[in-house]
Each structure stands twice: as C-alpha cells, then as structure tokens.
Amino acid sequence: MAARLYKADPSQFFLHLHNLRMNVYRCARLVLIIYDLSCLSLVLLLTLDEVLHGEHRFFAKI
C-alpha cells in the first residue's frame, strides 16, 4: 500500500509518514505522563502511610 500511495502522490505519502511519526510521539508522551503520575502516586502513598502510622524511619536515617 505504501508503494502504491507513493506512486500516486509522493506528497501524500510523506504527509502520512509525518502523521504516523506524530502519533508515535503522542503515544510515547502519554506513556511517560502515566508513568510519572504512577510514580508520584506511589510516593504520596508511601508518605501518607508513614504519616498515618507515625513512623518516620526514612527521616531517621538521614
């Protein structure tokens, strides 16, 4: 299909490649945002656990 599209109109072929690349970038950025949010939520849960249980083991080690 790519060869047929390139033969028909090369500008459309490169436009499709550009759109594909932009979709890959958007997907990768979304994955990184989800990863960052999951790390942040884990840190918040660990901090909340220490605060609720009154244990400050992390701060005692510093």
PDB file of N, CA and C in Angstrom:
ATOM      1  N   MET A   1       0.819  -1.179   0.000  1.00  0.00           N
ATOM      2  CA  MET A   1       0.000   0.000   0.000  1.00  0.00           C
ATOM      3  C   MET A   1       0.874   1.258   0.000  1.00  0.00           C
ATOM      4  N   ALA A   2       1.985   1.225   0.739  1.00  0.00           N
ATOM      5  CA  ALA A   2       2.848   2.402   0.812  1.00  0.00           C
ATOM      6  C   ALA A   2       3.430   2.735  -0.553  1.00  0.00           C
ATOM      7  N   ALA A   3       3.856   1.702  -1.281  1.00  0.00           N
ATOM      8  CA  ALA A   3       4.422   1.950  -2.614  1.00  0.00           C
ATOM      9  C   ALA A   3       3.352   2.510  -3.556  1.00  0.00           C
ATOM     10  N   ARG A   4       2.163   1.995  -3.449  1.00  0.00           N
ATOM     11  CA  ARG A   4       1.071   2.488  -4.298  1.00  0.00           C
ATOM     12  C   ARG A   4       0.738   3.945  -3.966  1.00  0.00           C
ATOM     13  N   LEU A   5       0.733   4.275  -2.672  1.00  0.00           N
ATOM     14  CA  LEU A   5       0.458   5.646  -2.261  1.00  0.00           C
ATOM     15  C   LEU A   5       1.582   6.581  -2.707  1.00  0.00           C
ATOM     16  N   TYR A   6       2.820   6.099  -2.608  1.00  0.00           N
ATOM     17  CA  TYR A   6       3.958   6.935  -3.021  1.00  0.00           C
ATOM     18  C   TYR A   6       3.920   7.201  -4.521  1.00  0.00           C
ATOM     19  N   LYS A   7       3.574   6.184  -5.296  1.00  0.00           N
ATOM     20  CA  LYS A   7       3.500   6.361  -6.755  1.00  0.00           C
ATOM     21  C   LYS A   7       2.358   7.304  -7.131  1.00  0.00           C
ATOM     22  N   ALA A   8       1.254   7.233  -6.415  1.00  0.00           N
ATOM     23  CA  ALA A   8       0.100   8.062  -6.742  1.00  0.00           C
ATOM     24  C   ALA A   8       0.379   9.534  -6.425  1.00  0.00           C
ATOM     25  N   ASP A   9       0.891   9.801  -5.214  1.00  0.00           N
ATOM     26  CA  ASP A   9       1.154  11.197  -4.822  1.00  0.00           C
ATOM     27  C   ASP A   9       2.214  11.190  -3.717  1.00  0.00           C
ATOM     28  N   PRO A  10       3.463  11.491  -4.061  1.00  0.00           N
ATOM     29  CA  PRO A  10       4.539  11.457  -3.057  1.00  0.00           C
ATOM     30  C   PRO A  10       4.291  12.412  -1.880  1.00  0.00           C
ATOM     31  N   SER A  11       3.660  13.546  -2.116  1.00  0.00           N
ATOM     32  CA  SER A  11       3.433  14.476  -1.008  1.00  0.00           C
ATOM     33  C   SER A  11       2.474  13.866   0.022  1.00  0.00           C
ATOM     34  N   GLN A  12       1.478  13.133  -0.445  1.00  0.00           N
ATOM     35  CA  GLN A  12       0.558  12.470   0.491  1.00  0.00           C
ATOM     36  C   GLN A  12       1.264  11.375   1.277  1.00  0.00           C
ATOM     37  N   PHE A  13       2.192  10.690   0.625  1.00  0.00           N
ATOM     38  CA  PHE A  13       2.963   9.639   1.295  1.00  0.00           C
ATOM     39  C   PHE A  13       3.743  10.231   2.461  1.00  0.00           C
ATOM     40  N   PHE A  14       4.437  11.355   2.219  1.00  0.00           N
ATOM     41  CA  PHE A  14       5.227  11.963   3.285  1.00  0.00           C
ATOM     42  C   PHE A  14       4.331  12.587   4.353  1.00  0.00           C
ATOM     43  N   LEU A  15       3.165  13.046   3.969  1.00  0.00           N
ATOM     44  CA  LEU A  15       2.203  13.553   4.952  1.00  0.00           C
ATOM     45  C   LEU A  15       1.743  12.415   5.872  1.00  0.00           C
ATOM     46  N   HIS A  16       1.499  11.254   5.292  1.00  0.00           N
ATOM     47  CA  HIS A  16       1.119  10.091   6.114  1.00  0.00           C
ATOM     48  C   HIS A  16       2.258   9.669   7.036  1.00  0.00           C
ATOM     49  N   LEU A  17       3.488   9.717   6.541  1.00  0.00           N
ATOM     50  CA  LEU A  17       4.633   9.384   7.397  1.00  0.00           C
ATOM     51  C   LEU A  17       4.754  10.375   8.552  1.00  0.00           C
ATOM     52  N   HIS A  18       4.556  11.645   8.247  1.00  0.00           N
ATOM     53  CA  HIS A  18       4.627  12.666   9.295  1.00  0.00           C
ATOM     54  C   HIS A  18       3.531  12.441  10.336  1.00  0.00           C
ATOM     55  N   ASN A  19       2.327  12.159   9.891  1.00  0.00           N
ATOM     56  CA  ASN A  19       1.225  11.908  10.833  1.00  0.00           C
ATOM     57  C   ASN A  19       1.488  10.676  11.685  1.00  0.00           C
ATOM     58  N   LEU A  20       2.054   9.650  11.080  1.00  0.00           N
ATOM     59  CA  LEU A  20       2.396   8.441  11.832  1.00  0.00           C
ATOM     60  C   LEU A  20       3.439   8.748  12.898  1.00  0.00           C
ATOM     61  N   ARG A  21       4.454   9.518  12.514  1.00  0.00           N
ATOM     62  CA  ARG A  21       5.501   9.880  13.470  1.00  0.00           C
ATOM     63  C   ARG A  21       4.923  10.709  14.613  1.00  0.00           C
ATOM     64  N   MET A  22       4.041  11.638  14.303  1.00  0.00           N
ATOM     65  CA  MET A  22       3.440  12.464  15.350  1.00  0.00           C
ATOM     66  C   MET A  22       2.564  11.622  16.282  1.00  0.00           C
ATOM     67  N   ASN A  23       1.884  10.624  15.741  1.00  0.00           N
ATOM     68  CA  ASN A  23       1.078   9.730  16.590  1.00  0.00           C
ATOM     69  C   ASN A  23       1.963   8.913  17.515  1.00  0.00           C
ATOM     70  N   VAL A  24       3.116   8.486  17.022  1.00  0.00           N
ATOM     71  CA  VAL A  24       4.058   7.739  17.874  1.00  0.00           C
ATOM     72  C   VAL A  24       4.565   8.641  18.990  1.00  0.00           C
ATOM     73  N   TYR A  25       4.894   9.889  18.664  1.00  0.00           N
ATOM     74  CA  TYR A  25       5.353  10.829  19.691  1.00  0.00           C
ATOM     75  C   TYR A  25       4.273  11.073  20.735  1.00  0.00           C
ATOM     76  N   ARG A  26       3.040  11.247  20.291  1.00  0.00           N
ATOM     77  CA  ARG A  26       1.933  11.472  21.236  1.00  0.00           C
ATOM     78  C   ARG A  26       1.746  10.268  22.157  1.00  0.00           C
ATOM     79  N   CYS A  27       1.838   9.090  21.592  1.00  0.00           N
ATOM     80  CA  CYS A  27       1.678   7.871  22.390  1.00  0.00           C
ATOM     81  C   CYS A  27       2.809   7.749  23.414  1.00  0.00           C
ATOM     82  N   ALA A  28       4.039   8.018  22.991  1.00  0.00           N
ATOM     83  CA  ALA A  28       5.179   7.943  23.904  1.00  0.00           C
ATOM     84  C   ALA A  28       5.042   8.983  25.018  1.00  0.00           C
ATOM     85  N   ARG A  29       4.591  10.169  24.673  1.00  0.00           N
ATOM     86  CA  ARG A  29       4.417  11.213  25.682  1.00  0.00           C
ATOM     87  C   ARG A  29       3.331  10.805  26.673  1.00  0.00           C
ATOM     88  N   LEU A  30       2.258  10.205  26.192  1.00  0.00           N
ATOM     89  CA  LEU A  30       1.187   9.747  27.069  1.00  0.00           C
ATOM     90  C   LEU A  30       1.687   8.654  28.023  1.00  0.00           C
ATOM     91  N   VAL A  31       2.507   7.744  27.517  1.00  0.00           N
ATOM     92  CA  VAL A  31       3.076   6.690  28.363  1.00  0.00           C
ATOM     93  C   VAL A  31       3.947   7.306  29.450  1.00  0.00           C
ATOM     94  N   LEU A  32       4.760   8.307  29.099  1.00  0.00           N
ATOM     95  CA  LEU A  32       5.608   8.952  30.098  1.00  0.00           C
ATOM     96  C   LEU A  32       4.791   9.710  31.140  1.00  0.00           C
ATOM     97  N   ILE A  33       3.710  10.332  30.725  1.00  0.00           N
ATOM     98  CA  ILE A  33       2.847  11.043  31.677  1.00  0.00           C
ATOM     99  C   ILE A  33       2.212  10.053  32.650  1.00  0.00           C
ATOM    100  N   ILE A  34       1.746   8.928  32.137  1.00  0.00           N
ATOM    101  CA  ILE A  34       1.145   7.902  33.007  1.00  0.00           C
ATOM    102  C   ILE A  34       2.186   7.343  33.978  1.00  0.00           C
ATOM    103  N   TYR A  35       3.410   7.132  33.491  1.00  0.00           N
ATOM    104  CA  TYR A  35       4.492   6.638  34.347  1.00  0.00           C
ATOM    105  C   TYR A  35       4.807   7.653  35.447  1.00  0.00           C
ATOM    106  N   ASP A  36       4.908   8.936  35.076  1.00  0.00           N
ATOM    107  CA  ASP A  36       5.189   9.975  36.072  1.00  0.00           C
ATOM    108  C   ASP A  36       4.089  10.047  37.119  1.00  0.00           C
ATOM    109  N   LEU A  37       2.842   9.966  36.687  1.00  0.00           N
ATOM    110  CA  LEU A  37       1.736  10.019  37.640  1.00  0.00           C
ATOM    111  C   LEU A  37       1.727   8.806  38.562  1.00  0.00           C
ATOM    112  N   SER A  38       2.080   7.643  38.039  1.00  0.00           N
ATOM    113  CA  SER A  38       2.103   6.455  38.891  1.00  0.00           C
ATOM    114  C   SER A  38       3.232   6.549  39.919  1.00  0.00           C
ATOM    115  N   CYS A  39       4.384   7.098  39.511  1.00  0.00           N
ATOM    116  CA  CYS A  39       5.479   7.282  40.467  1.00  0.00           C
ATOM    117  C   CYS A  39       5.099   8.295  41.541  1.00  0.00           C
ATOM    118  N   LEU A  40       4.449   9.372  41.127  1.00  0.00           N
ATOM    119  CA  LEU A  40       4.020  10.384  42.083  1.00  0.00           C
ATOM    120  C   LEU A  40       2.997   9.824  43.060  1.00  0.00           C
ATOM    121  N   SER A  41       2.070   9.029  42.563  1.00  0.00           N
ATOM    122  CA  SER A  41       1.067   8.454  43.465  1.00  0.00           C
ATOM    123  C   SER A  41       1.709   7.465  44.429  1.00  0.00           C
ATOM    124  N   LEU A  42       2.720   6.735  43.979  1.00  0.00           N
ATOM    125  CA  LEU A  42       3.414   5.808  44.885  1.00  0.00           C
ATOM    126  C   LEU A  42       4.133   6.567  45.986  1.00  0.00           C
ATOM    127  N   VAL A  43       4.792   7.650  45.644  1.00  0.00           N
ATOM    128  CA  VAL A  43       5.480   8.466  46.651  1.00  0.00           C
ATOM    129  C   VAL A  43       4.473   9.045  47.637  1.00  0.00           C
ATOM    130  N   LEU A  44       3.350   9.530  47.138  1.00  0.00           N
ATOM    131  CA  LEU A  44       2.335  10.088  48.027  1.00  0.00           C
ATOM    132  C   LEU A  44       1.753   9.022  48.953  1.00  0.00           C
ATOM    133  N   LEU A  45       1.533   7.823  48.427  1.00  0.00           N
ATOM    134  CA  LEU A  45       1.002   6.745  49.272  1.00  0.00           C
ATOM    135  C   LEU A  45       2.002   6.341  50.342  1.00  0.00           C
ATOM    136  N   LEU A  46       3.274   6.263  49.989  1.00  0.00           N
ATOM    137  CA  LEU A  46       4.281   5.917  50.994  1.00  0.00           C
ATOM    138  C   LEU A  46       4.393   6.997  52.061  1.00  0.00           C
ATOM    139  N   THR A  47       4.329   8.251  51.649  1.00  0.00           N
ATOM    140  CA  THR A  47       4.390   9.360  52.612  1.00  0.00           C
ATOM    141  C   THR A  47       3.165   9.338  53.515  1.00  0.00           C
ATOM    142  N   LEU A  48       2.004   9.124  52.944  1.00  0.00           N
ATOM    143  CA  LEU A  48       0.775   9.066  53.729  1.00  0.00           C
ATOM    144  C   LEU A  48       0.821   7.899  54.708  1.00  0.00           C
ATOM    145  N   ASP A  49       1.375   6.777  54.294  1.00  0.00           N
ATOM    146  CA  ASP A  49       1.493   5.615  55.171  1.00  0.00           C
ATOM    147  C   ASP A  49       2.375   5.940  56.368  1.00  0.00           C
ATOM    148  N   GLU A  50       3.490   6.630  56.120  1.00  0.00           N
ATOM    149  CA  GLU A  50       4.366   6.989  57.232  1.00  0.00           C
ATOM    150  C   GLU A  50       3.708   7.985  58.165  1.00  0.00           C
ATOM    151  N   VAL A  51       2.976   8.940  57.606  1.00  0.00           N
ATOM    152  CA  VAL A  51       2.321   9.947  58.441  1.00  0.00           C
ATOM    153  C   VAL A  51       1.224   9.318  59.285  1.00  0.00           C
ATOM    154  N   LEU A  52       0.427   8.433  58.691  1.00  0.00           N
ATOM    155  CA  LEU A  52      -0.686   7.834  59.429  1.00  0.00           C
ATOM    156  C   LEU A  52      -0.218   6.876  60.514  1.00  0.00           C
ATOM    157  N   HIS A  53       0.872   6.186  60.282  1.00  0.00           N
ATOM    158  CA  HIS A  53       1.350   5.221  61.264  1.00  0.00           C
ATOM    159  C   HIS A  53       2.348   5.826  62.243  1.00  0.00           C
ATOM    160  N   GLY A  54       2.686   7.087  62.049  1.00  0.00           N
ATOM    161  CA  GLY A  54       3.581   7.763  62.994  1.00  0.00           C
ATOM    162  C   GLY A  54       5.006   7.273  62.943  1.00  0.00           C
ATOM    163  N   GLU A  55       5.369   6.574  61.912  1.00  0.00           N
ATOM    164  CA  GLU A  55       6.736   6.065  61.799  1.00  0.00           C
ATOM    165  C   GLU A  55       7.507   6.949  60.830  1.00  0.00           C
ATOM    166  N   HIS A  56       8.669   7.368  61.256  1.00  0.00           N
ATOM    167  CA  HIS A  56       9.481   8.238  60.417  1.00  0.00           C
ATOM    168  C   HIS A  56      10.842   7.590  60.194  1.00  0.00           C
ATOM    169  N   ARG A  57      10.809   6.359  59.772  1.00  0.00           N
ATOM    170  CA  ARG A  57      12.059   5.634  59.560  1.00  0.00           C
ATOM    171  C   ARG A  57      12.918   6.292  58.489  1.00  0.00           C
ATOM    172  N   PHE A  58      12.288   6.801  57.449  1.00  0.00           N
ATOM    173  CA  PHE A  58      13.054   7.407  56.362  1.00  0.00           C
ATOM    174  C   PHE A  58      13.805   8.637  56.863  1.00  0.00           C
ATOM    175  N   PHE A  59      13.120   9.463  57.664  1.00  0.00           N
ATOM    176  CA  PHE A  59      13.749  10.685  58.140  1.00  0.00           C
ATOM    177  C   PHE A  59      14.769  10.396  59.229  1.00  0.00           C
ATOM    178  N   ALA A  60      14.629   9.289  59.943  1.00  0.00           N
ATOM    179  CA  ALA A  60      15.592   8.944  60.988  1.00  0.00           C
ATOM    180  C   ALA A  60      16.921   8.510  60.380  1.00  0.00           C
ATOM    181  N   LYS A  61      16.894   7.991  59.163  1.00  0.00           N
ATOM    182  CA  LYS A  61      18.132   7.528  58.520  1.00  0.00           C
ATOM    183  C   LYS A  61      18.974   8.693  58.011  1.00  0.00           C
ATOM    184  N   ILE A  62      18.348   9.828  57.809  1.00  0.00           N
ATOM    185  CA  ILE A  62      19.078  10.975  57.243  1.00  0.00           C
ATOM    186  C   ILE A  62      19.894  11.668  58.310  1.00  0.00           C
TER     187      ILE A  62
END
